[in-house]
């Protein structure tokens, strides 16, 4: 995997089907005693007025699609700006996740054009995958077959967009081990904060989460 060293901060993207622990890992990372911002790149926690108008059904398609992509562009620019100020920015859901690899319909082609405004490659990408039956048991929102289909789509997107990524099998590892892997790559890219991250990892934050039920995959 190709990693670009930086003088300032870093942008990190998590991609994987629901149940692979993207949010759990992002939450664990946020406990480190360094400047960190977790930004959700999914369709919730809307901030822009344009998107709120769409939620209130004041505007409809295609303005709704434009509003959604504008919202995600605002979030990505916020992360981009913070990273250049020295922050670690974690994207809970990767910016490229909304890309449609089989864009045959006009709306999908338009969507991909709009996605290009914010889906440039982060500095680090982690691809969370694993046993689909085990992942299914965590949320039970989609069947194991559906999860496999979505996972294959994400892998195709990574290949089509030529995104360098690190694969983590989350069903073979405990949450703390996954967090440690993510930490090691970020520490390599940002040696100036590696010591602070090491000190933070020795704190009982993950143990506190485990006792409160937050130290498990969500």
Protein backbone atom coordinates (compact mmCIF):
# COMPACT_ATOMS: atom_id res chain seq x y z
CA UNK A 1 0.00 0.00 0.00
CA UNK A 2 1.24 3.45 -0.87
CA UNK A 3 1.32 5.93 2.01
CA UNK A 4 2.05 9.62 1.65
CA UNK A 5 3.89 11.25 4.53
CA UNK A 6 2.62 14.69 5.48
CA UNK A 7 3.83 17.60 7.56
CA UNK A 8 0.38 18.56 8.78
CA UNK A 9 -2.52 16.20 9.58
CA UNK A 10 -4.05 13.28 7.76
CA UNK A 11 -7.35 12.17 6.24
CA UNK A 12 -8.37 8.55 6.88
CA UNK A 13 -11.31 6.79 5.23
CA UNK A 14 -13.12 3.65 6.45
CA UNK A 15 -15.03 1.57 3.91
CA UNK A 16 -16.99 -1.58 4.61
CA UNK A 17 -20.52 -2.94 4.91
CA UNK A 18 -22.71 -2.20 7.92
CA UNK A 19 -21.54 -4.20 10.91
CA UNK A 20 -17.82 -4.15 10.14
CA UNK A 21 -17.19 -1.67 12.95
CA UNK A 22 -16.43 1.57 11.12
CA UNK A 23 -18.20 3.68 13.74
CA UNK A 24 -16.81 1.61 16.63
CA UNK A 25 -13.24 2.09 15.43
CA UNK A 26 -13.82 5.79 14.71
CA UNK A 27 -15.21 6.28 18.23
CA UNK A 28 -12.22 4.50 19.74
CA UNK A 29 -9.84 6.69 17.74
CA UNK A 30 -11.60 9.82 18.98
CA UNK A 31 -10.51 9.02 22.56
CA UNK A 32 -6.85 9.61 21.72
CA UNK A 33 -5.35 12.72 23.22
CA UNK A 34 -4.56 14.36 19.87
CA UNK A 35 -6.62 16.65 17.61
CA UNK A 36 -9.11 14.30 15.94
CA UNK A 37 -12.35 14.90 14.06
CA UNK A 38 -14.71 12.10 13.04
CA UNK A 39 -16.85 13.05 10.03
CA UNK A 40 -19.74 10.87 8.94
CA UNK A 41 -20.06 10.71 5.16
CA UNK A 42 -23.44 8.99 5.16
CA UNK A 43 -26.94 10.33 4.78
CA UNK A 44 -27.56 11.64 8.27
CA UNK A 45 -26.57 14.52 10.60
CA UNK A 46 -27.31 17.07 7.88
CA UNK A 47 -25.91 20.57 8.41
CA UNK A 48 -26.70 22.65 5.33
CA UNK A 49 -29.94 24.57 4.81
CA UNK A 50 -30.17 23.17 1.29
CA UNK A 51 -30.31 19.62 2.65
CA UNK A 52 -32.84 20.52 5.35
CA UNK A 53 -35.15 21.88 2.63
CA UNK A 54 -34.93 18.51 0.93
CA UNK A 55 -35.72 16.71 4.19
CA UNK A 56 -38.78 18.94 4.60
CA UNK A 57 -39.80 18.06 1.04
CA UNK A 58 -39.65 21.69 -0.02
CA UNK A 59 -37.44 20.62 -2.92
CA UNK A 60 -37.37 17.31 -4.78
CA UNK A 61 -35.27 15.38 -7.29
CA UNK A 62 -32.98 16.36 -8.97
CA UNK A 63 -32.43 19.16 -6.45
CA UNK A 64 -32.44 16.61 -3.65
CA UNK A 65 -29.52 14.78 -5.21
CA UNK A 66 -27.68 18.07 -5.65
CA UNK A 67 -28.43 18.96 -2.03
CA UNK A 68 -27.08 15.61 -0.79
CA UNK A 69 -23.85 15.97 -2.72
CA UNK A 70 -23.47 19.58 -1.61
CA UNK A 71 -23.83 18.44 2.00
CA UNK A 72 -21.12 15.81 1.52
CA UNK A 73 -18.88 18.33 -0.24
CA UNK A 74 -19.17 20.67 2.76
CA UNK A 75 -18.21 17.84 5.11
CA UNK A 76 -15.25 16.81 2.95
CA UNK A 77 -13.95 20.36 2.71
CA UNK A 78 -14.24 20.66 6.49
CA UNK A 79 -12.10 17.54 6.88
CA UNK A 80 -9.63 18.67 4.23
CA UNK A 81 -9.19 22.00 5.99
CA UNK A 82 -8.72 20.43 9.43
CA UNK A 83 -6.15 17.96 8.10
CA UNK A 84 -4.07 20.83 6.77
CA UNK A 85 -4.15 22.39 10.22
CA UNK A 86 -2.66 19.27 11.77
CA UNK A 87 -5.78 17.30 12.68
CA UNK A 88 -6.42 13.61 12.20
CA UNK A 89 -9.67 13.38 10.24
CA UNK A 90 -11.54 10.07 10.23
CA UNK A 91 -14.25 9.58 7.60
CA UNK A 92 -16.84 7.17 8.98
CA UNK A 93 -17.92 5.91 5.55
CA UNK A 94 -15.45 6.53 2.80
CA UNK A 95 -15.96 9.51 0.44
CA UNK A 96 -15.98 7.14 -2.57
CA UNK A 97 -18.72 4.93 -1.11
CA UNK A 98 -21.46 6.76 -3.05
CA UNK A 99 -19.81 6.06 -6.41
CA UNK A 100 -21.88 3.81 -8.68
CA UNK A 101 -19.57 1.37 -10.54
CA UNK A 102 -22.28 0.30 -13.01
CA UNK A 103 -23.57 3.71 -14.02
CA UNK A 104 -25.93 2.85 -16.87
CA UNK A 105 -28.89 4.98 -15.82
CA UNK A 106 -28.74 8.74 -16.36
CA UNK A 107 -29.28 9.47 -12.66
CA UNK A 108 -26.30 7.28 -11.74
CA UNK A 109 -24.09 9.02 -14.29
CA UNK A 110 -25.13 12.41 -12.91
CA UNK A 111 -24.55 11.13 -9.39
CA UNK A 112 -21.02 10.04 -10.22
CA UNK A 113 -20.26 13.46 -11.70
CA UNK A 114 -21.50 15.12 -8.53
CA UNK A 115 -19.61 12.63 -6.35
CA UNK A 116 -16.37 13.62 -8.03
CA UNK A 117 -16.55 16.96 -6.21
CA UNK A 118 -15.74 15.34 -2.86
CA UNK A 119 -14.55 11.76 -3.39
CA UNK A 120 -10.85 12.35 -4.03
CA UNK A 121 -8.65 9.79 -2.28
CA UNK A 122 -7.81 10.32 1.41
CA UNK A 123 -4.26 9.78 2.65
CA UNK A 124 -5.15 6.41 4.17
CA UNK A 125 -7.96 4.00 3.35
CA UNK A 126 -8.97 0.98 5.43
CA UNK A 127 -11.18 -1.66 3.87
CA UNK A 128 -13.08 -3.54 6.60
CA UNK A 129 -14.31 -6.98 5.61
CA UNK A 130 -14.73 -10.48 7.06
CA UNK A 131 -17.09 -13.40 7.41
CA UNK A 132 -20.54 -12.26 6.27
CA UNK A 133 -22.49 -14.54 8.60
CA UNK A 134 -20.60 -13.14 11.59
CA UNK A 135 -21.10 -9.57 10.38
CA UNK A 136 -24.82 -10.27 9.90
CA UNK A 137 -25.18 -11.26 13.56
CA UNK A 138 -23.95 -7.84 14.67
CA UNK A 139 -26.79 -5.80 13.19
CA UNK A 140 -29.10 -8.16 11.34
CA UNK A 141 -30.16 -5.42 8.93
CA UNK A 142 -29.08 -7.23 5.78
CA UNK A 143 -28.69 -10.93 5.04
CA UNK A 144 -25.25 -12.48 4.70
CA UNK A 145 -25.84 -12.74 0.92
CA UNK A 146 -26.73 -9.04 0.71
CA UNK A 147 -23.67 -8.10 2.75
CA UNK A 148 -21.48 -10.13 0.40
CA UNK A 149 -22.97 -8.35 -2.60
CA UNK A 150 -22.39 -4.92 -1.03
CA UNK A 151 -18.86 -5.89 -0.02
CA UNK A 152 -18.04 -6.93 -3.57
CA UNK A 153 -19.37 -3.61 -4.81
CA UNK A 154 -17.11 -1.70 -2.41
CA UNK A 155 -14.12 -3.73 -3.54
CA UNK A 156 -14.96 -2.98 -7.18
CA UNK A 157 -15.18 0.73 -6.36
CA UNK A 158 -11.74 0.64 -4.74
CA UNK A 159 -10.32 -1.09 -7.81
CA UNK A 160 -12.05 1.16 -10.36
CA UNK A 161 -11.00 4.34 -8.53
CA UNK A 162 -7.51 2.88 -8.00
CA UNK A 163 -7.55 3.68 -4.31
CA UNK A 164 -4.64 2.30 -2.28
CA UNK A 165 -6.06 0.54 0.77
CA UNK A 166 -5.24 -1.69 3.70
CA UNK A 167 -7.54 -4.68 4.25
CA UNK A 168 -8.57 -5.60 7.80
CA UNK A 169 -10.54 -8.77 8.48
CA UNK A 170 -12.65 -7.54 11.38
CA UNK A 171 -14.16 -10.94 12.18
CA UNK A 172 -10.70 -12.40 12.87
CA UNK A 173 -9.67 -9.58 15.22
CA UNK A 174 -10.94 -7.96 18.39
CA UNK A 175 -11.86 -4.28 18.30
CA UNK A 176 -8.72 -3.25 20.19
CA UNK A 177 -6.54 -5.05 17.63
CA UNK A 178 -8.25 -3.25 14.74
CA UNK A 179 -7.78 0.07 16.51
CA UNK A 180 -4.10 -0.75 17.07
CA UNK A 181 -3.61 -1.44 13.35
CA UNK A 182 -5.24 1.85 12.38
CA UNK A 183 -3.13 3.65 14.98
CA UNK A 184 0.11 2.13 13.67
CA UNK A 185 -0.50 3.38 10.12
CA UNK A 186 -1.49 6.85 11.28
CA UNK A 187 1.57 6.96 13.54
CA UNK A 188 3.79 6.04 10.59
CA UNK A 189 2.36 8.91 8.55
CA UNK A 190 2.54 11.36 11.45
CA UNK A 191 5.65 10.55 13.49
CA UNK A 192 5.41 13.91 15.27
CA UNK A 193 2.32 12.74 17.13
CA UNK A 194 3.23 9.07 17.38
CA UNK A 195 4.42 9.51 20.97
CA UNK A 196 1.19 11.23 21.99
CA UNK A 197 -0.85 8.45 20.42
CA UNK A 198 1.23 5.81 22.20
CA UNK A 199 0.64 7.53 25.52
CA UNK A 200 -3.07 7.79 24.78
CA UNK A 201 -3.29 4.09 23.94
CA UNK A 202 -1.94 3.23 27.39
CA UNK A 203 -4.85 5.03 29.02
CA UNK A 204 -7.83 2.93 30.14
CA UNK A 205 -10.21 4.48 27.58
CA UNK A 206 -10.86 1.26 25.64
CA UNK A 207 -11.23 -0.68 28.88
CA UNK A 208 -13.80 1.84 30.06
CA UNK A 209 -15.64 1.47 26.76
CA UNK A 210 -15.65 -2.32 27.09
CA UNK A 211 -17.16 -2.12 30.57
CA UNK A 212 -19.83 0.26 29.31
CA UNK A 213 -20.62 -1.93 26.30
CA UNK A 214 -18.92 0.45 23.83
CA UNK A 215 -15.80 -1.64 23.39
CA UNK A 216 -17.53 -4.06 21.04
CA UNK A 217 -18.34 -3.81 17.36
CA UNK A 218 -21.51 -1.85 16.62
